[in-house]
PDB file of N, CA and C in Angstrom:
ATOM      1  N   UNK A   1      -3.079  14.285  19.068  1.00  0.00           N
ATOM      2  CA  UNK A   1      -3.151  13.992  20.477  1.00  0.00           C
ATOM      3  C   UNK A   1      -4.269  14.814  21.108  1.00  0.00           C
ATOM      4  N   UNK A   2      -5.449  14.518  20.679  1.00  0.00           N
ATOM      5  CA  UNK A   2      -6.621  15.191  21.221  1.00  0.00           C
ATOM      6  C   UNK A   2      -6.988  14.597  22.574  1.00  0.00           C
ATOM      7  N   UNK A   3      -7.788  15.314  23.296  1.00  0.00           N
ATOM      8  CA  UNK A   3      -8.305  14.863  24.596  1.00  0.00           C
ATOM      9  C   UNK A   3      -7.219  14.674  25.647  1.00  0.00           C
ATOM     10  N   UNK A   4      -6.146  15.404  25.524  1.00  0.00           N
ATOM     11  CA  UNK A   4      -5.091  15.326  26.535  1.00  0.00           C
ATOM     12  C   UNK A   4      -5.155  16.596  27.370  1.00  0.00           C
ATOM     13  N   UNK A   5      -5.322  16.399  28.656  1.00  0.00           N
ATOM     14  CA  UNK A   5      -5.472  17.542  29.556  1.00  0.00           C
ATOM     15  C   UNK A   5      -4.148  18.015  30.132  1.00  0.00           C
ATOM     16  N   UNK A   6      -3.209  17.110  30.308  1.00  0.00           N
ATOM     17  CA  UNK A   6      -1.950  17.450  30.973  1.00  0.00           C
ATOM     18  C   UNK A   6      -0.755  17.081  30.121  1.00  0.00           C
ATOM     19  N   UNK A   7       0.257  17.915  30.223  1.00  0.00           N
ATOM     20  CA  UNK A   7       1.547  17.587  29.634  1.00  0.00           C
ATOM     21  C   UNK A   7       2.482  17.207  30.781  1.00  0.00           C
ATOM     22  N   UNK A   8       3.595  16.586  30.475  1.00  0.00           N
ATOM     23  CA  UNK A   8       4.546  16.296  31.553  1.00  0.00           C
ATOM     24  C   UNK A   8       4.945  17.550  32.333  1.00  0.00           C
ATOM     25  N   UNK A   9       5.037  18.665  31.636  1.00  0.00           N
ATOM     26  CA  UNK A   9       5.403  19.924  32.301  1.00  0.00           C
ATOM     27  C   UNK A   9       4.306  20.363  33.282  1.00  0.00           C
ATOM     28  N   UNK A  10       3.040  20.157  32.890  1.00  0.00           N
ATOM     29  CA  UNK A  10       1.930  20.496  33.790  1.00  0.00           C
ATOM     30  C   UNK A  10       1.997  19.682  35.079  1.00  0.00           C
ATOM     31  N   UNK A  11       2.348  18.417  34.939  1.00  0.00           N
ATOM     32  CA  UNK A  11       2.436  17.548  36.114  1.00  0.00           C
ATOM     33  C   UNK A  11       3.581  17.998  37.021  1.00  0.00           C
ATOM     34  N   UNK A  12       4.717  18.325  36.424  1.00  0.00           N
ATOM     35  CA  UNK A  12       5.885  18.759  37.210  1.00  0.00           C
ATOM     36  C   UNK A  12       5.573  20.051  37.960  1.00  0.00           C
ATOM     37  N   UNK A  13       4.900  20.960  37.302  1.00  0.00           N
ATOM     38  CA  UNK A  13       4.659  22.284  37.898  1.00  0.00           C
ATOM     39  C   UNK A  13       3.439  22.341  38.816  1.00  0.00           C
ATOM     40  N   UNK A  14       2.716  21.258  38.943  1.00  0.00           N
ATOM     41  CA  UNK A  14       1.528  21.246  39.789  1.00  0.00           C
ATOM     42  C   UNK A  14       1.928  21.341  41.267  1.00  0.00           C
ATOM     43  N   UNK A  15       1.311  22.281  41.977  1.00  0.00           N
ATOM     44  CA  UNK A  15       1.539  22.436  43.422  1.00  0.00           C
ATOM     45  C   UNK A  15       0.247  22.131  44.157  1.00  0.00           C
ATOM     46  N   UNK A  16       0.372  21.346  45.192  1.00  0.00           N
ATOM     47  CA  UNK A  16      -0.784  20.987  46.005  1.00  0.00           C
ATOM     48  C   UNK A  16      -0.752  21.810  47.287  1.00  0.00           C
ATOM     49  N   UNK A  17      -1.903  22.227  47.732  1.00  0.00           N
ATOM     50  CA  UNK A  17      -1.982  22.992  48.973  1.00  0.00           C
ATOM     51  C   UNK A  17      -1.850  22.030  50.156  1.00  0.00           C
ATOM     52  N   UNK A  18      -1.026  22.369  51.104  1.00  0.00           N
ATOM     53  CA  UNK A  18      -0.877  21.479  52.271  1.00  0.00           C
ATOM     54  C   UNK A  18      -2.103  21.561  53.187  1.00  0.00           C
ATOM     55  N   UNK A  19      -2.436  20.437  53.760  1.00  0.00           N
ATOM     56  CA  UNK A  19      -3.525  20.341  54.737  1.00  0.00           C
ATOM     57  C   UNK A  19      -2.930  19.790  56.030  1.00  0.00           C
ATOM     58  N   UNK A  20      -3.660  19.918  57.086  1.00  0.00           N
ATOM     59  CA  UNK A  20      -3.148  19.472  58.385  1.00  0.00           C
ATOM     60  C   UNK A  20      -2.888  17.968  58.384  1.00  0.00           C
ATOM     61  N   UNK A  21      -3.828  17.186  57.911  1.00  0.00           N
ATOM     62  CA  UNK A  21      -3.631  15.738  57.883  1.00  0.00           C
ATOM     63  C   UNK A  21      -3.530  15.259  56.437  1.00  0.00           C
ATOM     64  N   UNK A  22      -2.707  15.902  55.620  1.00  0.00           N
ATOM     65  CA  UNK A  22      -2.557  15.547  54.209  1.00  0.00           C
ATOM     66  C   UNK A  22      -1.520  14.450  53.999  1.00  0.00           C
ATOM     67  N   UNK A  23      -1.220  14.213  52.737  1.00  0.00           N
ATOM     68  CA  UNK A  23      -0.232  13.208  52.369  1.00  0.00           C
ATOM     69  C   UNK A  23       1.171  13.763  52.534  1.00  0.00           C
ATOM     70  N   UNK A  24       2.117  12.869  52.646  1.00  0.00           N
ATOM     71  CA  UNK A  24       3.522  13.255  52.743  1.00  0.00           C
ATOM     72  C   UNK A  24       3.955  13.819  51.393  1.00  0.00           C
ATOM     73  N   UNK A  25       4.388  15.077  51.343  1.00  0.00           N
ATOM     74  CA  UNK A  25       4.778  15.700  50.070  1.00  0.00           C
ATOM     75  C   UNK A  25       5.876  14.919  49.352  1.00  0.00           C
ATOM     76  N   UNK A  26       6.797  14.299  50.063  1.00  0.00           N
ATOM     77  CA  UNK A  26       7.870  13.532  49.415  1.00  0.00           C
ATOM     78  C   UNK A  26       7.289  12.317  48.678  1.00  0.00           C
ATOM     79  N   UNK A  27       6.309  11.638  49.294  1.00  0.00           N
ATOM     80  CA  UNK A  27       5.674  10.485  48.645  1.00  0.00           C
ATOM     81  C   UNK A  27       4.909  10.920  47.398  1.00  0.00           C
ATOM     82  N   UNK A  28       4.206  12.031  47.502  1.00  0.00           N
ATOM     83  CA  UNK A  28       3.444  12.538  46.354  1.00  0.00           C
ATOM     84  C   UNK A  28       4.403  12.905  45.230  1.00  0.00           C
ATOM     85  N   UNK A  29       5.490  13.602  45.534  1.00  0.00           N
ATOM     86  CA  UNK A  29       6.471  13.991  44.515  1.00  0.00           C
ATOM     87  C   UNK A  29       7.107  12.770  43.860  1.00  0.00           C
ATOM     88  N   UNK A  30       7.438  11.778  44.661  1.00  0.00           N
ATOM     89  CA  UNK A  30       8.050  10.558  44.133  1.00  0.00           C
ATOM     90  C   UNK A  30       7.081   9.853  43.165  1.00  0.00           C
ATOM     91  N   UNK A  31       5.833   9.757  43.576  1.00  0.00           N
ATOM     92  CA  UNK A  31       4.833   9.123  42.716  1.00  0.00           C
ATOM     93  C   UNK A  31       4.620   9.919  41.428  1.00  0.00           C
ATOM     94  N   UNK A  32       4.534  11.240  41.568  1.00  0.00           N
ATOM     95  CA  UNK A  32       4.330  12.079  40.382  1.00  0.00           C
ATOM     96  C   UNK A  32       5.522  11.993  39.426  1.00  0.00           C
ATOM     97  N   UNK A  33       6.724  11.808  39.955  1.00  0.00           N
ATOM     98  CA  UNK A  33       7.895  11.620  39.089  1.00  0.00           C
ATOM     99  C   UNK A  33       7.728  10.380  38.214  1.00  0.00           C
ATOM    100  N   UNK A  34       7.203   9.313  38.802  1.00  0.00           N
ATOM    101  CA  UNK A  34       6.946   8.094  38.026  1.00  0.00           C
ATOM    102  C   UNK A  34       5.864   8.325  36.970  1.00  0.00           C
ATOM    103  N   UNK A  35       4.826   9.051  37.367  1.00  0.00           N
ATOM    104  CA  UNK A  35       3.746   9.362  36.427  1.00  0.00           C
ATOM    105  C   UNK A  35       4.293  10.178  35.259  1.00  0.00           C
ATOM    106  N   UNK A  36       5.156  11.129  35.571  1.00  0.00           N
ATOM    107  CA  UNK A  36       5.751  11.978  34.530  1.00  0.00           C
ATOM    108  C   UNK A  36       6.570  11.137  33.562  1.00  0.00           C
ATOM    109  N   UNK A  37       7.383  10.216  34.081  1.00  0.00           N
ATOM    110  CA  UNK A  37       8.200   9.355  33.210  1.00  0.00           C
ATOM    111  C   UNK A  37       7.311   8.534  32.278  1.00  0.00           C
ATOM    112  N   UNK A  38       6.281   7.920  32.855  1.00  0.00           N
ATOM    113  CA  UNK A  38       5.374   7.124  32.029  1.00  0.00           C
ATOM    114  C   UNK A  38       4.676   7.991  30.985  1.00  0.00           C
ATOM    115  N   UNK A  39       4.252   9.155  31.399  1.00  0.00           N
ATOM    116  CA  UNK A  39       3.549  10.061  30.500  1.00  0.00           C
ATOM    117  C   UNK A  39       4.446  10.471  29.329  1.00  0.00           C
ATOM    118  N   UNK A  40       5.700  10.782  29.640  1.00  0.00           N
ATOM    119  CA  UNK A  40       6.651  11.137  28.585  1.00  0.00           C
ATOM    120  C   UNK A  40       6.883   9.944  27.650  1.00  0.00           C
ATOM    121  N   UNK A  41       7.003   8.741  28.227  1.00  0.00           N
ATOM    122  CA  UNK A  41       7.204   7.546  27.405  1.00  0.00           C
ATOM    123  C   UNK A  41       6.004   7.290  26.497  1.00  0.00           C
ATOM    124  N   UNK A  42       4.797   7.446  27.037  1.00  0.00           N
ATOM    125  CA  UNK A  42       3.599   7.269  26.221  1.00  0.00           C
ATOM    126  C   UNK A  42       3.538   8.311  25.109  1.00  0.00           C
ATOM    127  N   UNK A  43       3.917   9.519  25.421  1.00  0.00           N
ATOM    128  CA  UNK A  43       3.906  10.584  24.408  1.00  0.00           C
ATOM    129  C   UNK A  43       4.902  10.270  23.291  1.00  0.00           C
ATOM    130  N   UNK A  44       6.102   9.854  23.659  1.00  0.00           N
ATOM    131  CA  UNK A  44       7.116   9.508  22.650  1.00  0.00           C
ATOM    132  C   UNK A  44       6.662   8.317  21.809  1.00  0.00           C
ATOM    133  N   UNK A  45       6.110   7.309  22.463  1.00  0.00           N
ATOM    134  CA  UNK A  45       5.642   6.122  21.739  1.00  0.00           C
ATOM    135  C   UNK A  45       4.499   6.491  20.795  1.00  0.00           C
ATOM    136  N   UNK A  46       3.617   7.341  21.248  1.00  0.00           N
ATOM    137  CA  UNK A  46       2.516   7.791  20.404  1.00  0.00           C
ATOM    138  C   UNK A  46       3.047   8.529  19.174  1.00  0.00           C
ATOM    139  N   UNK A  47       4.019   9.391  19.366  1.00  0.00           N
ATOM    140  CA  UNK A  47       4.605  10.129  18.242  1.00  0.00           C
ATOM    141  C   UNK A  47       5.316   9.184  17.277  1.00  0.00           C
ATOM    142  N   UNK A  48       6.036   8.197  17.841  1.00  0.00           N
ATOM    143  CA  UNK A  48       6.738   7.229  16.998  1.00  0.00           C
ATOM    144  C   UNK A  48       5.733   6.422  16.168  1.00  0.00           C
ATOM    145  N   UNK A  49       4.669   5.978  16.812  1.00  0.00           N
ATOM    146  CA  UNK A  49       3.650   5.198  16.114  1.00  0.00           C
ATOM    147  C   UNK A  49       2.926   6.031  15.060  1.00  0.00           C
ATOM    148  N   UNK A  50       2.695   7.291  15.358  1.00  0.00           N
ATOM    149  CA  UNK A  50       2.050   8.171  14.381  1.00  0.00           C
ATOM    150  C   UNK A  50       2.942   8.350  13.159  1.00  0.00           C
ATOM    151  N   UNK A  51       4.252   8.537  13.396  1.00  0.00           N
ATOM    152  CA  UNK A  51       5.191   8.680  12.279  1.00  0.00           C
ATOM    153  C   UNK A  51       5.247   7.392  11.456  1.00  0.00           C
ATOM    154  N   UNK A  52       5.266   6.253  12.130  1.00  0.00           N
ATOM    155  CA  UNK A  52       5.281   4.970  11.421  1.00  0.00           C
ATOM    156  C   UNK A  52       3.990   4.777  10.633  1.00  0.00           C
ATOM    157  N   UNK A  53       2.870   5.142  11.226  1.00  0.00           N
ATOM    158  CA  UNK A  53       1.590   5.046  10.528  1.00  0.00           C
ATOM    159  C   UNK A  53       1.588   5.923   9.278  1.00  0.00           C
ATOM    160  N   UNK A  54       2.080   7.138   9.401  1.00  0.00           N
ATOM    161  CA  UNK A  54       2.149   8.033   8.240  1.00  0.00           C
ATOM    162  C   UNK A  54       3.032   7.434   7.143  1.00  0.00           C
ATOM    163  N   UNK A  55       4.168   6.864   7.552  1.00  0.00           N
ATOM    164  CA  UNK A  55       5.092   6.250   6.588  1.00  0.00           C
ATOM    165  C   UNK A  55       4.413   5.082   5.882  1.00  0.00           C
ATOM    166  N   UNK A  56       3.700   4.255   6.638  1.00  0.00           N
ATOM    167  CA  UNK A  56       3.037   3.093   6.050  1.00  0.00           C
ATOM    168  C   UNK A  56       1.877   3.491   5.144  1.00  0.00           C
ATOM    169  N   UNK A  57       1.154   4.522   5.524  1.00  0.00           N
ATOM    170  CA  UNK A  57       0.071   5.016   4.662  1.00  0.00           C
ATOM    171  C   UNK A  57       0.652   5.510   3.336  1.00  0.00           C
ATOM    172  N   UNK A  58       1.769   6.228   3.401  1.00  0.00           N
ATOM    173  CA  UNK A  58       2.418   6.695   2.173  1.00  0.00           C
ATOM    174  C   UNK A  58       2.895   5.519   1.328  1.00  0.00           C
ATOM    175  N   UNK A  59       3.423   4.487   1.981  1.00  0.00           N
ATOM    176  CA  UNK A  59       3.899   3.300   1.260  1.00  0.00           C
ATOM    177  C   UNK A  59       2.725   2.592   0.578  1.00  0.00           C
ATOM    178  N   UNK A  60       1.605   2.471   1.278  1.00  0.00           N
ATOM    179  CA  UNK A  60       0.421   1.842   0.688  1.00  0.00           C
ATOM    180  C   UNK A  60      -0.046   2.651  -0.524  1.00  0.00           C
ATOM    181  N   UNK A  61      -0.057   3.966  -0.405  1.00  0.00           N
ATOM    182  CA  UNK A  61      -0.456   4.817  -1.537  1.00  0.00           C
ATOM    183  C   UNK A  61       0.474   4.601  -2.728  1.00  0.00           C
ATOM    184  N   UNK A  62       1.775   4.546  -2.450  1.00  0.00           N
ATOM    185  CA  UNK A  62       2.769   4.341  -3.507  1.00  0.00           C
ATOM    186  C   UNK A  62       2.568   2.980  -4.181  1.00  0.00           C
ATOM    187  N   UNK A  63       2.382   1.944  -3.382  1.00  0.00           N
ATOM    188  CA  UNK A  63       2.189   0.602  -3.942  1.00  0.00           C
ATOM    189  C   UNK A  63       0.873   0.490  -4.703  1.00  0.00           C
ATOM    190  N   UNK A  64      -0.153   1.186  -4.231  1.00  0.00           N
ATOM    191  CA  UNK A  64      -1.432   1.185  -4.935  1.00  0.00           C
ATOM    192  C   UNK A  64      -1.282   1.833  -6.308  1.00  0.00           C
ATOM    193  N   UNK A  65      -0.536   2.926  -6.370  1.00  0.00           N
ATOM    194  CA  UNK A  65      -0.294   3.582  -7.659  1.00  0.00           C
ATOM    195  C   UNK A  65       0.498   2.668  -8.585  1.00  0.00           C
ATOM    196  N   UNK A  66       1.530   1.991  -8.045  1.00  0.00           N
ATOM    197  CA  UNK A  66       2.321   1.068  -8.861  1.00  0.00           C
ATOM    198  C   UNK A  66       1.461  -0.072  -9.382  1.00  0.00           C
ATOM    199  N   UNK A  67       0.580  -0.581  -8.545  1.00  0.00           N
ATOM    200  CA  UNK A  67      -0.307  -1.666  -8.950  1.00  0.00           C
ATOM    201  C   UNK A  67      -1.245  -1.206 -10.055  1.00  0.00           C
ATOM    202  N   UNK A  68      -1.755   0.002  -9.933  1.00  0.00           N
ATOM    203  CA  UNK A  68      -2.641   0.532 -10.964  1.00  0.00           C
ATOM    204  C   UNK A  68      -1.902   0.660 -12.293  1.00  0.00           C
ATOM    205  N   UNK A  69      -0.658   1.139 -12.242  1.00  0.00           N
ATOM    206  CA  UNK A  69       0.144   1.280 -13.462  1.00  0.00           C
ATOM    207  C   UNK A  69       0.421  -0.095 -14.061  1.00  0.00           C
ATOM    208  N   UNK A  70       0.796  -1.060 -13.211  1.00  0.00           N
ATOM    209  CA  UNK A  70       1.085  -2.413 -13.696  1.00  0.00           C
ATOM    210  C   UNK A  70      -0.150  -3.067 -14.288  1.00  0.00           C
ATOM    211  N   UNK A  71      -1.306  -2.865 -13.662  1.00  0.00           N
ATOM    212  CA  UNK A  71      -2.537  -3.454 -14.182  1.00  0.00           C
ATOM    213  C   UNK A  71      -2.900  -2.877 -15.544  1.00  0.00           C
ATOM    214  N   UNK A  72      -2.742  -1.563 -15.707  1.00  0.00           N
ATOM    215  CA  UNK A  72      -3.060  -0.963 -17.002  1.00  0.00           C
ATOM    216  C   UNK A  72      -2.053  -1.415 -18.053  1.00  0.00           C
ATOM    217  N   UNK A  73      -0.792  -1.572 -17.658  1.00  0.00           N
ATOM    218  CA  UNK A  73       0.237  -2.063 -18.575  1.00  0.00           C
ATOM    219  C   UNK A  73      -0.051  -3.495 -18.984  1.00  0.00           C
ATOM    220  N   UNK A  74      -0.458  -4.318 -18.007  1.00  0.00           N
ATOM    221  CA  UNK A  74      -0.765  -5.715 -18.286  1.00  0.00           C
ATOM    222  C   UNK A  74      -1.986  -5.817 -19.195  1.00  0.00           C
ATOM    223  N   UNK A  75      -2.985  -4.996 -18.964  1.00  0.00           N
ATOM    224  CA  UNK A  75      -4.174  -4.992 -19.807  1.00  0.00           C
ATOM    225  C   UNK A  75      -3.798  -4.610 -21.233  1.00  0.00           C
ATOM    226  N   UNK A  76      -2.903  -3.649 -21.355  1.00  0.00           N
ATOM    227  CA  UNK A  76      -2.440  -3.219 -22.668  1.00  0.00           C
ATOM    228  C   UNK A  76      -1.714  -4.358 -23.380  1.00  0.00           C
ATOM    229  N   UNK A  77      -0.858  -5.089 -22.647  1.00  0.00           N
ATOM    230  CA  UNK A  77      -0.134  -6.221 -23.229  1.00  0.00           C
ATOM    231  C   UNK A  77      -1.099  -7.327 -23.640  1.00  0.00           C
ATOM    232  N   UNK A  78      -2.119  -7.588 -22.818  1.00  0.00           N
ATOM    233  CA  UNK A  78      -3.089  -8.622 -23.148  1.00  0.00           C
ATOM    234  C   UNK A  78      -3.853  -8.243 -24.405  1.00  0.00           C
ATOM    235  N   UNK A  79      -4.215  -6.979 -24.519  1.00  0.00           N
ATOM    236  CA  UNK A  79      -4.918  -6.510 -25.703  1.00  0.00           C
ATOM    237  C   UNK A  79      -4.030  -6.660 -26.925  1.00  0.00           C
ATOM    238  N   UNK A  80      -2.757  -6.309 -26.788  1.00  0.00           N
ATOM    239  CA  UNK A  80      -1.806  -6.427 -27.880  1.00  0.00           C
ATOM    240  C   UNK A  80      -1.634  -7.885 -28.284  1.00  0.00           C
ATOM    241  N   UNK A  81      -1.542  -8.774 -27.307  1.00  0.00           N
ATOM    242  CA  UNK A  81      -1.381 -10.197 -27.592  1.00  0.00           C
ATOM    243  C   UNK A  81      -2.612 -10.736 -28.298  1.00  0.00           C
ATOM    244  N   UNK A  82      -3.791 -10.334 -27.822  1.00  0.00           N
ATOM    245  CA  UNK A  82      -5.015 -10.794 -28.464  1.00  0.00           C
ATOM    246  C   UNK A  82      -5.107 -10.267 -29.885  1.00  0.00           C
ATOM    247  N   UNK A  83      -4.683  -9.049 -30.107  1.00  0.00           N
ATOM    248  CA  UNK A  83      -4.699  -8.474 -31.438  1.00  0.00           C
ATOM    249  C   UNK A  83      -3.747  -9.238 -32.343  1.00  0.00           C
ATOM    250  N   UNK A  84      -2.572  -9.567 -31.863  1.00  0.00           N
ATOM    251  CA  UNK A  84      -1.610 -10.336 -32.646  1.00  0.00           C
ATOM    252  C   UNK A  84      -2.173 -11.724 -32.982  1.00  0.00           C
ATOM    253  N   UNK A  85      -2.832 -12.355 -32.029  1.00  0.00           N
ATOM    254  CA  UNK A  85      -3.429 -13.671 -32.272  1.00  0.00           C
ATOM    255  C   UNK A  85      -4.507 -13.567 -33.350  1.00  0.00           C
ATOM    256  N   UNK A  86      -5.320 -12.539 -33.294  1.00  0.00           N
ATOM    257  CA  UNK A  86      -6.356 -12.345 -34.307  1.00  0.00           C
ATOM    258  C   UNK A  86      -5.738 -12.178 -35.693  1.00  0.00           C
ATOM    259  N   UNK A  87      -4.672 -11.408 -35.763  1.00  0.00           N
ATOM    260  CA  UNK A  87      -3.987 -11.184 -37.042  1.00  0.00           C
ATOM    261  C   UNK A  87      -3.418 -12.491 -37.573  1.00  0.00           C
ATOM    262  N   UNK A  88      -2.799 -13.278 -36.688  1.00  0.00           N
ATOM    263  CA  UNK A  88      -2.231 -14.555 -37.122  1.00  0.00           C
ATOM    264  C   UNK A  88      -3.314 -15.523 -37.609  1.00  0.00           C
ATOM    265  N   UNK A  89      -4.434 -15.548 -36.922  1.00  0.00           N
ATOM    266  CA  UNK A  89      -5.533 -16.418 -37.352  1.00  0.00           C
ATOM    267  C   UNK A  89      -6.056 -15.989 -38.723  1.00  0.00           C
ATOM    268  N   UNK A  90      -6.223 -14.706 -38.903  1.00  0.00           N
ATOM    269  CA  UNK A  90      -6.717 -14.209 -40.197  1.00  0.00           C
ATOM    270  C   UNK A  90      -5.724 -14.514 -41.318  1.00  0.00           C
ATOM    271  N   UNK A  91      -4.454 -14.318 -41.008  1.00  0.00           N
ATOM    272  CA  UNK A  91      -3.414 -14.600 -41.994  1.00  0.00           C
ATOM    273  C   UNK A  91      -3.413 -16.079 -42.349  1.00  0.00           C
ATOM    274  N   UNK A  92      -3.553 -16.928 -41.332  1.00  0.00           N
ATOM    275  CA  UNK A  92      -3.590 -18.368 -41.565  1.00  0.00           C
ATOM    276  C   UNK A  92      -4.789 -18.750 -42.427  1.00  0.00           C
ATOM    277  N   UNK A  93      -5.943 -18.185 -42.131  1.00  0.00           N
ATOM    278  CA  UNK A  93      -7.141 -18.459 -42.939  1.00  0.00           C
ATOM    279  C   UNK A  93      -6.958 -17.987 -44.377  1.00  0.00           C
ATOM    280  N   UNK A  94      -6.343 -16.825 -44.533  1.00  0.00           N
ATOM    281  CA  UNK A  94      -6.096 -16.285 -45.865  1.00  0.00           C
ATOM    282  C   UNK A  94      -5.130 -17.183 -46.635  1.00  0.00           C
ATOM    283  N   UNK A  95      -4.061 -17.636 -45.986  1.00  0.00           N
ATOM    284  CA  UNK A  95      -3.100 -18.529 -46.641  1.00  0.00           C
ATOM    285  C   UNK A  95      -3.765 -19.836 -47.055  1.00  0.00           C
ATOM    286  N   UNK A  96      -4.589 -20.382 -46.153  1.00  0.00           N
ATOM    287  CA  UNK A  96      -5.294 -21.618 -46.506  1.00  0.00           C
ATOM    288  C   UNK A  96      -6.197 -21.399 -47.715  1.00  0.00           C
ATOM    289  N   UNK A  97      -6.856 -20.267 -47.717  1.00  0.00           N
ATOM    290  CA  UNK A  97      -7.769 -19.986 -48.809  1.00  0.00           C
ATOM    291  C   UNK A  97      -7.009 -19.820 -50.130  1.00  0.00           C
ATOM    292  N   UNK A  98      -5.939 -19.016 -50.104  1.00  0.00           N
ATOM    293  CA  UNK A  98      -5.184 -18.736 -51.332  1.00  0.00           C
ATOM    294  C   UNK A  98      -4.366 -19.956 -51.741  1.00  0.00           C
ATOM    295  N   UNK A  99      -3.556 -20.469 -50.850  1.00  0.00           N
ATOM    296  CA  UNK A  99      -2.663 -21.563 -51.197  1.00  0.00           C
ATOM    297  C   UNK A  99      -3.395 -22.892 -51.243  1.00  0.00           C
ATOM    298  N   UNK A 100      -4.467 -23.012 -50.521  1.00  0.00           N
ATOM    299  CA  UNK A 100      -5.266 -24.237 -50.586  1.00  0.00           C
ATOM    300  C   UNK A 100      -5.853 -24.425 -51.961  1.00  0.00           C
ATOM    301  N   UNK A 101      -6.347 -23.358 -52.557  1.00  0.00           N
ATOM    302  CA  UNK A 101      -6.897 -23.417 -53.914  1.00  0.00           C
ATOM    303  C   UNK A 101      -5.790 -23.734 -54.890  1.00  0.00           C
ATOM    304  N   UNK A 102      -4.643 -23.110 -54.694  1.00  0.00           N
ATOM    305  CA  UNK A 102      -3.505 -23.333 -55.575  1.00  0.00           C
ATOM    306  C   UNK A 102      -3.018 -24.768 -55.441  1.00  0.00           C
ATOM    307  N   UNK A 103      -2.968 -25.317 -54.219  1.00  0.00           N
ATOM    308  CA  UNK A 103      -2.557 -26.701 -54.020  1.00  0.00           C
ATOM    309  C   UNK A 103      -3.552 -27.655 -54.669  1.00  0.00           C
ATOM    310  N   UNK A 104      -4.828 -27.335 -54.540  1.00  0.00           N
ATOM    311  CA  UNK A 104      -5.834 -28.183 -55.170  1.00  0.00           C
ATOM    312  C   UNK A 104      -5.691 -28.174 -56.685  1.00  0.00           C
ATOM    313  N   UNK A 105      -5.393 -27.007 -57.257  1.00  0.00           N
ATOM    314  CA  UNK A 105      -5.180 -26.910 -58.706  1.00  0.00           C
ATOM    315  C   UNK A 105      -3.946 -27.694 -59.110  1.00  0.00           C
ATOM    316  N   UNK A 106      -2.863 -27.607 -58.345  1.00  0.00           N
ATOM    317  CA  UNK A 106      -1.634 -28.344 -58.643  1.00  0.00           C
ATOM    318  C   UNK A 106      -1.896 -29.845 -58.551  1.00  0.00           C
ATOM    319  N   UNK A 107      -2.642 -30.293 -57.575  1.00  0.00           N
ATOM    320  CA  UNK A 107      -2.968 -31.705 -57.402  1.00  0.00           C
ATOM    321  C   UNK A 107      -3.815 -32.193 -58.571  1.00  0.00           C
ATOM    322  N   UNK A 108      -4.736 -31.357 -59.014  1.00  0.00           N
ATOM    323  CA  UNK A 108      -5.580 -31.744 -60.158  1.00  0.00           C
ATOM    324  C   UNK A 108      -4.742 -31.890 -61.409  1.00  0.00           C
ATOM    325  N   UNK A 109      -3.782 -30.967 -61.606  1.00  0.00           N
ATOM    326  CA  UNK A 109      -2.929 -31.030 -62.785  1.00  0.00           C
ATOM    327  C   UNK A 109      -1.996 -32.229 -62.692  1.00  0.00           C
ATOM    328  N   UNK A 110      -1.478 -32.521 -61.502  1.00  0.00           N
ATOM    329  CA  UNK A 110      -0.578 -33.672 -61.345  1.00  0.00           C
ATOM    330  C   UNK A 110      -1.335 -34.973 -61.512  1.00  0.00           C
ATOM    331  N   UNK A 111      -2.579 -35.030 -61.141  1.00  0.00           N
ATOM    332  CA  UNK A 111      -3.386 -36.236 -61.268  1.00  0.00           C
ATOM    333  C   UNK A 111      -3.731 -36.528 -62.732  1.00  0.00           C
ATOM    334  N   UNK A 112      -3.723 -35.504 -63.564  1.00  0.00           N
ATOM    335  CA  UNK A 112      -4.021 -35.685 -64.987  1.00  0.00           C
ATOM    336  C   UNK A 112      -2.865 -36.373 -65.701  1.00  0.00           C
ATOM    337  N   UNK A 113      -1.714 -36.241 -65.201  1.00  0.00           N
ATOM    338  CA  UNK A 113      -0.553 -36.788 -65.885  1.00  0.00           C
ATOM    339  C   UNK A 113      -0.244 -38.125 -65.423  1.00  0.00           C
TER     340      UNK A 113
END
């Protein structure tokens, strides 16, 4: 709350010097009472909003950290899945190579008979 010159207490304790043709002190006091109420309400609202802002900033930080953890976890799972796919492809190629030759040999032997 920078740039604030007066507190509600400052307004309440302010005394004006009377002049011969000045304002009615009762009217001034009544008006200042309204100013004080508004000032207190603005101060409370400002504090409430500041607390809410702090809470939301903390929530954003927390969610950002969770997102970072989830993204790294997801990247890890994608890498694992890709690695598994590579292994399966290699295994399939190896089986085709080994068993394909064996099947061709069996077919050649069966065709001879």
